[in-house]
Protein backbone atom coordinates (compact mmCIF):
# COMPACT_ATOMS: atom_id res chain seq x y z
CA UNK A 1 0.00 0.00 0.00
CA UNK A 2 1.44 3.35 -1.06
CA UNK A 3 1.02 6.39 1.19
CA UNK A 4 -0.49 9.49 -0.43
CA UNK A 5 0.87 13.02 -0.08
CA UNK A 6 -2.24 14.02 1.85
CA UNK A 7 -1.51 11.33 4.44
CA UNK A 8 2.09 12.56 4.86
CA UNK A 9 1.28 16.27 5.01
CA UNK A 10 0.50 18.15 8.20
CA UNK A 11 -3.11 17.77 9.35
CA UNK A 12 -5.67 20.57 9.04
CA UNK A 13 -5.72 22.84 12.12
CA UNK A 14 -2.25 21.66 13.14
CA UNK A 15 -0.46 24.44 15.04
CA UNK A 16 3.10 25.49 14.24
CA UNK A 17 4.91 27.35 17.03
CA UNK A 18 1.46 28.09 18.54
CA UNK A 19 1.36 30.89 15.97
CA UNK A 20 0.15 29.44 12.66
CA UNK A 21 -2.74 27.07 11.97
CA UNK A 22 -2.68 24.86 8.87
CA UNK A 23 -5.88 25.41 6.85
CA UNK A 24 -5.30 23.31 3.74
CA UNK A 25 -2.73 21.63 1.55
CA UNK A 26 -2.17 23.82 -1.50
CA UNK A 27 0.47 21.91 -3.48
CA UNK A 28 2.98 19.10 -3.31
CA UNK A 29 6.24 18.35 -5.07
CA UNK A 30 8.95 15.74 -4.68
CA UNK A 31 10.67 18.02 -2.16
CA UNK A 32 7.99 19.91 -0.27
CA UNK A 33 4.41 20.52 0.81
CA UNK A 34 2.87 23.96 0.46
CA UNK A 35 0.01 24.97 2.74
CA UNK A 36 -2.41 27.82 3.23
CA UNK A 37 -2.28 28.69 6.91
CA UNK A 38 -3.60 31.37 9.24
CA UNK A 39 -1.51 33.67 11.38
CA UNK A 40 -3.60 33.17 14.51
CA UNK A 41 -3.10 36.58 16.14
CA UNK A 42 -4.25 38.55 13.06
CA UNK A 43 -6.28 36.06 11.02
CA UNK A 44 -4.03 36.79 8.00
CA UNK A 45 -3.71 33.98 5.44
CA UNK A 46 -0.14 32.98 4.73
CA UNK A 47 1.78 30.40 2.72
CA UNK A 48 3.91 27.80 4.48
CA UNK A 49 6.35 25.68 2.53
CA UNK A 50 7.53 22.57 4.35
CA UNK A 51 10.68 20.62 3.50
CA UNK A 52 9.61 17.02 2.87
CA UNK A 53 11.54 15.02 0.26
CA UNK A 54 8.91 12.34 -0.34
CA UNK A 55 11.23 9.53 -1.37
CA UNK A 56 13.61 9.72 1.59
CA UNK A 57 11.73 11.38 4.48
CA UNK A 58 9.17 10.50 7.09
CA UNK A 59 7.50 12.18 10.04
CA UNK A 60 9.04 11.74 13.46
CA UNK A 61 7.03 10.57 16.46
CA UNK A 62 5.86 14.14 17.21
CA UNK A 63 3.98 13.98 13.87
CA UNK A 64 5.52 17.33 12.84
CA UNK A 65 9.28 16.95 12.45
CA UNK A 66 10.69 15.63 9.20
CA UNK A 67 13.49 13.09 9.45
CA UNK A 68 15.59 11.01 7.09
CA UNK A 69 14.15 7.53 6.46
CA UNK A 70 17.30 5.44 5.90
CA UNK A 71 21.00 5.69 6.79
CA UNK A 72 21.87 5.20 3.11
CA UNK A 73 20.11 8.47 2.16
CA UNK A 74 21.49 10.60 4.99
CA UNK A 75 23.85 12.62 2.75
CA UNK A 76 21.16 13.26 0.11
CA UNK A 77 18.69 14.33 2.83
CA UNK A 78 21.24 16.78 4.26
CA UNK A 79 22.06 18.18 0.81
CA UNK A 80 18.37 18.75 0.00
CA UNK A 81 17.80 20.35 3.42
CA UNK A 82 20.67 22.77 2.80
CA UNK A 83 19.19 23.73 -0.59
CA UNK A 84 15.79 24.33 1.02
CA UNK A 85 17.33 26.57 3.69
CA UNK A 86 19.38 28.37 1.05
CA UNK A 87 16.21 29.13 -0.91
CA UNK A 88 14.56 30.54 2.23
CA UNK A 89 17.61 32.72 2.90
CA UNK A 90 17.53 34.01 -0.68
CA UNK A 91 13.88 34.99 -0.24
CA UNK A 92 14.80 36.91 2.92
CA UNK A 93 17.59 38.76 1.08
CA UNK A 94 15.31 39.62 -1.84
CA UNK A 95 12.77 40.97 0.61
CA UNK A 96 15.33 43.32 2.15
CA UNK A 97 16.77 44.45 -1.18
CA UNK A 98 13.42 45.14 -2.81
CA UNK A 99 11.29 46.15 0.13
CA UNK A 100 8.35 48.33 -0.73
CA UNK A 101 6.05 49.86 1.85
CA UNK A 102 3.02 48.51 -0.03
CA UNK A 103 4.19 44.94 -0.43
CA UNK A 104 6.44 42.91 1.79
CA UNK A 105 7.17 39.27 2.35
CA UNK A 106 8.34 37.70 5.54
CA UNK A 107 10.20 34.42 5.62
CA UNK A 108 10.32 32.53 8.90
CA UNK A 109 12.17 29.23 9.16
CA UNK A 110 10.78 26.79 11.70
CA UNK A 111 12.77 24.18 13.56
CA UNK A 112 10.80 21.55 11.64
CA UNK A 113 12.18 23.05 8.39
CA UNK A 114 9.10 24.83 7.24
CA UNK A 115 9.26 28.34 5.98
CA UNK A 116 6.43 30.79 6.27
CA UNK A 117 5.93 33.38 3.58
CA UNK A 118 3.57 36.21 4.38
CA UNK A 119 2.57 38.60 1.62
CA UNK A 120 0.83 41.79 2.60
CA UNK A 121 -0.06 45.08 1.04
Foldseek 3Di string as FASTA:
>chain_A
DDDDPVNQDQDAQDDDPVFKTFHDFDDDDQFWTKTWIARVVPRATWIKIAGERPVFWGAPPVSQAIDGRDPVCVVVSVVSLVVLVVVLVVLVVVQVVDPDPQWGWDWDAGPSGMIIIGIGD
